[in-house]
Every structure is written in structure tokens, then in C-alpha cells.
């Protein structure tokens, strides 16, 4: 079942968009200790286990990039959100492959 989402994006593509000043909607579905160890600037923390209860905090019409540690949990989140009508994109490789700046 995991990985049945439509779109993905690379770290390099996200970094390029951020450097161009494009406004991005990014959610980080990792656990709080992972989030606190560093996250993408401007990302919103929405742990995977809270997606069902908090998905209304997202704009279903706006493309949202979903990130986790390696890309597996974000893939599950993308699958769930896409089934609910959200426009989501999985960050390939997750934070392990992140090439940009971190916020703490």
C-alpha cells in the first residue's frame, strides 16, 4: 500500500524553489524529537499520527510537500492525504537526503 501516491520531488528541486523565493507549503510528518533535531525552514510540523485529526489545517487546493526522515512515512502521509483530495508531493529521500539549510 505504501507508495501509492502520485507525485514526488527531489531535495534539489525544493532547495531551488526556496532559493527563488517561491512560497511553499511543506509539512514534516516526523516525530517531535526528529523535528527538534532540525527541519526545513518554513515547514509545518504535523506528525504522521495526527494527520487524520489535523488535515483540515492544510489547504487541499495548494500543493503541499510532505517530508519525513527517509521518504517512507511521508509516502504514507501522501497516500492518505491524496485519498482525501489534497494536492501532495513526497520529498524523495526525506531529511536524510536534504541538501538545504536547517532550522532548529
N, C-alpha and C. Protein backbone atom coordinates (compact mmCIF):
# COMPACT_ATOMS: atom_id res chain seq x y z
N UNK A 1 0.82 -1.20 0.00
CA UNK A 1 0.00 0.00 0.00
C UNK A 1 0.86 1.26 0.00
N UNK A 2 1.97 1.27 0.74
CA UNK A 2 2.82 2.46 0.78
C UNK A 2 3.37 2.74 -0.60
N UNK A 3 3.44 4.02 -0.91
CA UNK A 3 3.99 4.42 -2.19
C UNK A 3 2.96 4.55 -3.30
N UNK A 4 1.67 4.52 -2.97
CA UNK A 4 0.63 4.64 -3.97
C UNK A 4 0.18 6.08 -4.17
N UNK A 5 1.09 7.01 -4.03
CA UNK A 5 0.80 8.42 -4.24
C UNK A 5 1.26 8.81 -5.64
N UNK A 6 0.86 9.95 -6.11
CA UNK A 6 1.09 10.34 -7.49
C UNK A 6 2.41 11.04 -7.77
N UNK A 7 2.81 11.98 -6.91
CA UNK A 7 3.95 12.85 -7.24
C UNK A 7 5.07 12.79 -6.20
N UNK A 8 6.29 13.06 -6.69
CA UNK A 8 7.44 13.19 -5.80
C UNK A 8 8.32 14.33 -6.29
N UNK A 9 9.21 14.80 -5.41
CA UNK A 9 10.10 15.91 -5.72
C UNK A 9 11.43 15.63 -5.04
N UNK A 10 12.53 16.12 -5.63
CA UNK A 10 13.84 15.92 -5.03
C UNK A 10 14.21 17.07 -4.10
N UNK A 11 15.16 16.82 -3.25
CA UNK A 11 15.69 17.85 -2.36
C UNK A 11 16.20 19.05 -3.16
N UNK A 12 16.91 18.75 -4.24
CA UNK A 12 17.47 19.82 -5.07
C UNK A 12 16.37 20.72 -5.65
N UNK A 13 15.27 20.12 -6.05
CA UNK A 13 14.16 20.91 -6.60
C UNK A 13 13.53 21.81 -5.54
N UNK A 14 13.38 21.28 -4.32
CA UNK A 14 12.81 22.08 -3.24
C UNK A 14 13.76 23.22 -2.88
N UNK A 15 15.05 22.92 -2.76
CA UNK A 15 16.03 23.96 -2.44
C UNK A 15 15.99 25.06 -3.51
N UNK A 16 15.93 24.68 -4.77
CA UNK A 16 15.89 25.67 -5.86
C UNK A 16 14.65 26.55 -5.74
N UNK A 17 13.51 25.96 -5.44
CA UNK A 17 12.28 26.74 -5.28
C UNK A 17 12.41 27.71 -4.11
N UNK A 18 12.98 27.24 -2.99
CA UNK A 18 13.17 28.10 -1.83
C UNK A 18 14.13 29.25 -2.15
N UNK A 19 15.22 28.95 -2.87
CA UNK A 19 16.19 29.98 -3.23
C UNK A 19 15.59 31.01 -4.18
N UNK A 20 14.60 30.61 -4.96
CA UNK A 20 13.91 31.53 -5.87
C UNK A 20 12.86 32.35 -5.14
N UNK A 21 12.68 32.06 -3.86
CA UNK A 21 11.71 32.80 -3.06
C UNK A 21 10.27 32.37 -3.28
N UNK A 22 10.08 31.21 -3.86
CA UNK A 22 8.72 30.72 -4.10
C UNK A 22 8.09 30.30 -2.76
N UNK A 23 6.86 30.74 -2.51
CA UNK A 23 6.19 30.32 -1.27
C UNK A 23 5.80 28.85 -1.38
N UNK A 24 6.26 28.05 -0.44
CA UNK A 24 5.99 26.61 -0.45
C UNK A 24 5.21 26.21 0.78
N UNK A 25 4.36 25.24 0.61
CA UNK A 25 3.68 24.61 1.73
C UNK A 25 4.39 23.28 1.97
N UNK A 26 5.05 23.17 3.12
CA UNK A 26 5.81 21.97 3.46
C UNK A 26 5.34 21.48 4.82
N UNK A 27 5.02 20.18 4.90
CA UNK A 27 4.71 19.60 6.21
C UNK A 27 5.73 18.51 6.50
N UNK A 28 6.13 18.46 7.75
CA UNK A 28 7.10 17.47 8.23
C UNK A 28 6.34 16.52 9.14
N UNK A 29 6.28 15.25 8.74
CA UNK A 29 5.47 14.27 9.48
C UNK A 29 6.27 13.45 10.48
N UNK A 30 7.51 13.87 10.77
CA UNK A 30 8.33 13.14 11.74
C UNK A 30 7.85 13.38 13.16
N UNK A 31 8.39 12.61 14.07
CA UNK A 31 8.07 12.74 15.49
C UNK A 31 8.76 13.99 16.07
N UNK A 32 8.27 14.49 17.22
CA UNK A 32 8.82 15.73 17.79
C UNK A 32 10.33 15.73 17.98
N UNK A 33 10.93 14.63 18.44
CA UNK A 33 12.38 14.62 18.65
C UNK A 33 13.12 14.76 17.32
N UNK A 34 12.58 14.18 16.26
CA UNK A 34 13.19 14.30 14.93
C UNK A 34 13.06 15.74 14.43
N UNK A 35 11.88 16.31 14.59
CA UNK A 35 11.62 17.71 14.19
C UNK A 35 12.59 18.64 14.89
N UNK A 36 12.77 18.43 16.21
CA UNK A 36 13.66 19.29 17.00
C UNK A 36 15.12 19.16 16.62
N UNK A 37 15.49 18.07 15.94
CA UNK A 37 16.88 17.89 15.53
C UNK A 37 17.21 18.68 14.25
N UNK A 38 16.22 19.34 13.68
CA UNK A 38 16.42 20.18 12.50
C UNK A 38 15.36 19.89 11.46
N UNK A 39 14.81 20.97 10.87
CA UNK A 39 13.77 20.83 9.87
C UNK A 39 13.94 21.90 8.78
N UNK A 40 13.21 21.73 7.71
CA UNK A 40 13.27 22.66 6.58
C UNK A 40 12.65 24.00 7.02
N UNK A 41 13.34 25.11 6.77
CA UNK A 41 12.81 26.41 7.15
C UNK A 41 11.41 26.64 6.56
N UNK A 42 10.50 27.07 7.42
CA UNK A 42 9.14 27.35 6.99
C UNK A 42 8.20 26.16 7.00
N UNK A 43 8.74 24.97 7.28
CA UNK A 43 7.89 23.77 7.31
C UNK A 43 6.97 23.81 8.52
N UNK A 44 5.84 23.12 8.40
CA UNK A 44 4.89 22.97 9.50
C UNK A 44 5.05 21.56 10.05
N UNK A 45 5.06 21.44 11.36
CA UNK A 45 5.18 20.13 11.99
C UNK A 45 3.80 19.51 12.16
N UNK A 46 3.58 18.38 11.51
CA UNK A 46 2.31 17.66 11.57
C UNK A 46 2.63 16.17 11.59
N UNK A 47 2.92 15.61 12.79
CA UNK A 47 3.31 14.20 12.88
C UNK A 47 2.31 13.27 12.18
N UNK A 48 2.84 12.22 11.58
CA UNK A 48 2.03 11.28 10.81
C UNK A 48 0.79 10.82 11.58
N UNK A 49 0.95 10.50 12.86
CA UNK A 49 -0.16 10.02 13.66
C UNK A 49 -1.27 11.03 13.89
N UNK A 50 -1.01 12.30 13.56
CA UNK A 50 -2.00 13.36 13.77
C UNK A 50 -2.67 13.82 12.46
N UNK A 51 -2.25 13.24 11.34
CA UNK A 51 -2.76 13.69 10.03
C UNK A 51 -4.29 13.60 9.96
N UNK A 52 -4.85 12.49 10.38
CA UNK A 52 -6.31 12.32 10.28
C UNK A 52 -7.06 13.38 11.07
N UNK A 53 -6.54 13.75 12.23
CA UNK A 53 -7.20 14.73 13.08
C UNK A 53 -6.92 16.17 12.67
N UNK A 54 -5.78 16.42 12.02
CA UNK A 54 -5.36 17.80 11.76
C UNK A 54 -5.29 18.17 10.28
N UNK A 55 -5.72 17.29 9.39
CA UNK A 55 -5.58 17.57 7.96
C UNK A 55 -6.30 18.86 7.53
N UNK A 56 -7.31 19.27 8.28
CA UNK A 56 -8.04 20.49 7.91
C UNK A 56 -7.17 21.75 8.07
N UNK A 57 -6.00 21.63 8.69
CA UNK A 57 -5.07 22.76 8.80
C UNK A 57 -4.37 23.02 7.47
N UNK A 58 -4.52 22.10 6.53
CA UNK A 58 -3.88 22.22 5.22
C UNK A 58 -4.88 22.71 4.18
N UNK A 59 -4.37 23.35 3.14
CA UNK A 59 -5.20 23.81 2.03
C UNK A 59 -5.21 22.73 0.97
N UNK A 60 -6.36 22.09 0.72
CA UNK A 60 -6.41 20.99 -0.24
C UNK A 60 -6.12 21.42 -1.68
N UNK A 61 -6.24 22.72 -1.96
CA UNK A 61 -6.03 23.21 -3.32
C UNK A 61 -4.57 23.63 -3.57
N UNK A 62 -3.79 23.74 -2.50
CA UNK A 62 -2.40 24.18 -2.62
C UNK A 62 -1.47 22.97 -2.58
N UNK A 63 -0.52 22.92 -3.49
CA UNK A 63 0.45 21.84 -3.48
C UNK A 63 1.22 21.86 -2.16
N UNK A 64 1.26 20.71 -1.49
CA UNK A 64 1.96 20.58 -0.22
C UNK A 64 3.03 19.52 -0.34
N UNK A 65 4.26 19.89 0.01
CA UNK A 65 5.38 18.96 0.00
C UNK A 65 5.43 18.28 1.36
N UNK A 66 5.51 16.95 1.36
CA UNK A 66 5.49 16.18 2.60
C UNK A 66 6.85 15.53 2.81
N UNK A 67 7.40 15.69 4.02
CA UNK A 67 8.75 15.19 4.31
C UNK A 67 8.78 14.39 5.61
N UNK A 68 9.65 13.39 5.64
CA UNK A 68 9.93 12.63 6.87
C UNK A 68 11.43 12.37 6.89
N UNK A 69 11.87 11.35 7.60
CA UNK A 69 13.30 11.06 7.68
C UNK A 69 13.85 10.51 6.37
N UNK A 70 13.16 9.50 5.80
CA UNK A 70 13.71 8.83 4.62
C UNK A 70 12.78 8.82 3.40
N UNK A 71 11.53 9.20 3.59
CA UNK A 71 10.57 9.20 2.49
C UNK A 71 9.48 8.16 2.62
N UNK A 72 9.60 7.26 3.61
CA UNK A 72 8.58 6.22 3.78
C UNK A 72 7.32 6.73 4.47
N UNK A 73 7.48 7.36 5.64
CA UNK A 73 6.31 7.88 6.35
C UNK A 73 5.63 8.99 5.56
N UNK A 74 6.43 9.82 4.89
CA UNK A 74 5.83 10.88 4.08
C UNK A 74 5.06 10.27 2.91
N UNK A 75 5.52 9.14 2.41
CA UNK A 75 4.79 8.43 1.36
C UNK A 75 3.43 7.97 1.85
N UNK A 76 3.40 7.45 3.09
CA UNK A 76 2.12 7.05 3.69
C UNK A 76 1.21 8.25 3.89
N UNK A 77 1.80 9.36 4.36
CA UNK A 77 1.02 10.59 4.55
C UNK A 77 0.47 11.09 3.22
N UNK A 78 1.29 11.03 2.16
CA UNK A 78 0.83 11.45 0.83
C UNK A 78 -0.33 10.58 0.37
N UNK A 79 -0.20 9.29 0.58
CA UNK A 79 -1.26 8.37 0.17
C UNK A 79 -2.57 8.71 0.88
N UNK A 80 -2.50 8.93 2.18
CA UNK A 80 -3.68 9.26 2.97
C UNK A 80 -4.28 10.60 2.54
N UNK A 81 -3.42 11.62 2.44
CA UNK A 81 -3.91 12.96 2.08
C UNK A 81 -4.45 13.01 0.66
N UNK A 82 -3.77 12.34 -0.26
CA UNK A 82 -4.24 12.33 -1.64
C UNK A 82 -5.62 11.67 -1.73
N UNK A 83 -5.85 10.63 -0.95
CA UNK A 83 -7.15 9.97 -0.93
C UNK A 83 -8.25 10.90 -0.42
N UNK A 84 -7.85 11.90 0.38
CA UNK A 84 -8.81 12.87 0.91
C UNK A 84 -8.93 14.10 0.01
N UNK A 85 -8.24 14.08 -1.14
CA UNK A 85 -8.37 15.17 -2.10
C UNK A 85 -7.31 16.25 -2.03
N UNK A 86 -6.24 16.03 -1.28
CA UNK A 86 -5.17 17.02 -1.16
C UNK A 86 -4.16 16.86 -2.29
N UNK A 87 -3.55 17.98 -2.69
CA UNK A 87 -2.51 18.01 -3.72
C UNK A 87 -1.17 17.90 -2.99
N UNK A 88 -0.63 16.69 -2.92
CA UNK A 88 0.59 16.45 -2.14
C UNK A 88 1.72 15.89 -3.00
N UNK A 89 2.95 16.15 -2.55
CA UNK A 89 4.16 15.72 -3.23
C UNK A 89 5.10 15.16 -2.18
N UNK A 90 5.64 13.97 -2.40
CA UNK A 90 6.57 13.34 -1.46
C UNK A 90 8.00 13.80 -1.73
N UNK A 91 8.72 14.21 -0.68
CA UNK A 91 10.13 14.57 -0.81
C UNK A 91 10.95 13.29 -0.84
N UNK A 92 11.49 12.96 -2.00
CA UNK A 92 12.29 11.75 -2.20
C UNK A 92 13.52 11.76 -1.29
N UNK A 93 13.71 10.69 -0.54
CA UNK A 93 14.89 10.58 0.34
C UNK A 93 14.74 11.27 1.67
N UNK A 94 13.67 12.03 1.85
CA UNK A 94 13.41 12.69 3.12
C UNK A 94 14.54 13.57 3.61
N UNK A 95 14.61 13.74 4.92
CA UNK A 95 15.64 14.59 5.53
C UNK A 95 17.02 13.97 5.41
N UNK A 96 17.10 12.66 5.21
CA UNK A 96 18.42 12.04 5.02
C UNK A 96 19.08 12.56 3.74
N UNK A 97 18.27 12.94 2.77
CA UNK A 97 18.80 13.45 1.51
C UNK A 97 18.70 14.96 1.36
N UNK A 98 18.28 15.64 2.42
CA UNK A 98 18.07 17.09 2.35
C UNK A 98 19.38 17.82 2.11
N UNK A 99 19.41 18.70 1.11
CA UNK A 99 20.62 19.43 0.72
C UNK A 99 20.59 20.90 1.13
N UNK A 100 19.52 21.31 1.78
CA UNK A 100 19.38 22.72 2.12
C UNK A 100 19.67 23.03 3.56
N UNK A 101 19.36 24.26 3.91
CA UNK A 101 19.55 24.79 5.24
C UNK A 101 18.56 24.14 6.21
N UNK A 102 18.91 24.14 7.49
CA UNK A 102 18.03 23.60 8.53
C UNK A 102 17.67 24.72 9.51
N UNK A 103 16.51 24.58 10.08
CA UNK A 103 16.03 25.46 11.14
C UNK A 103 15.88 24.59 12.39
N UNK A 104 16.14 25.17 13.56
CA UNK A 104 16.03 24.41 14.80
C UNK A 104 15.06 25.06 15.76
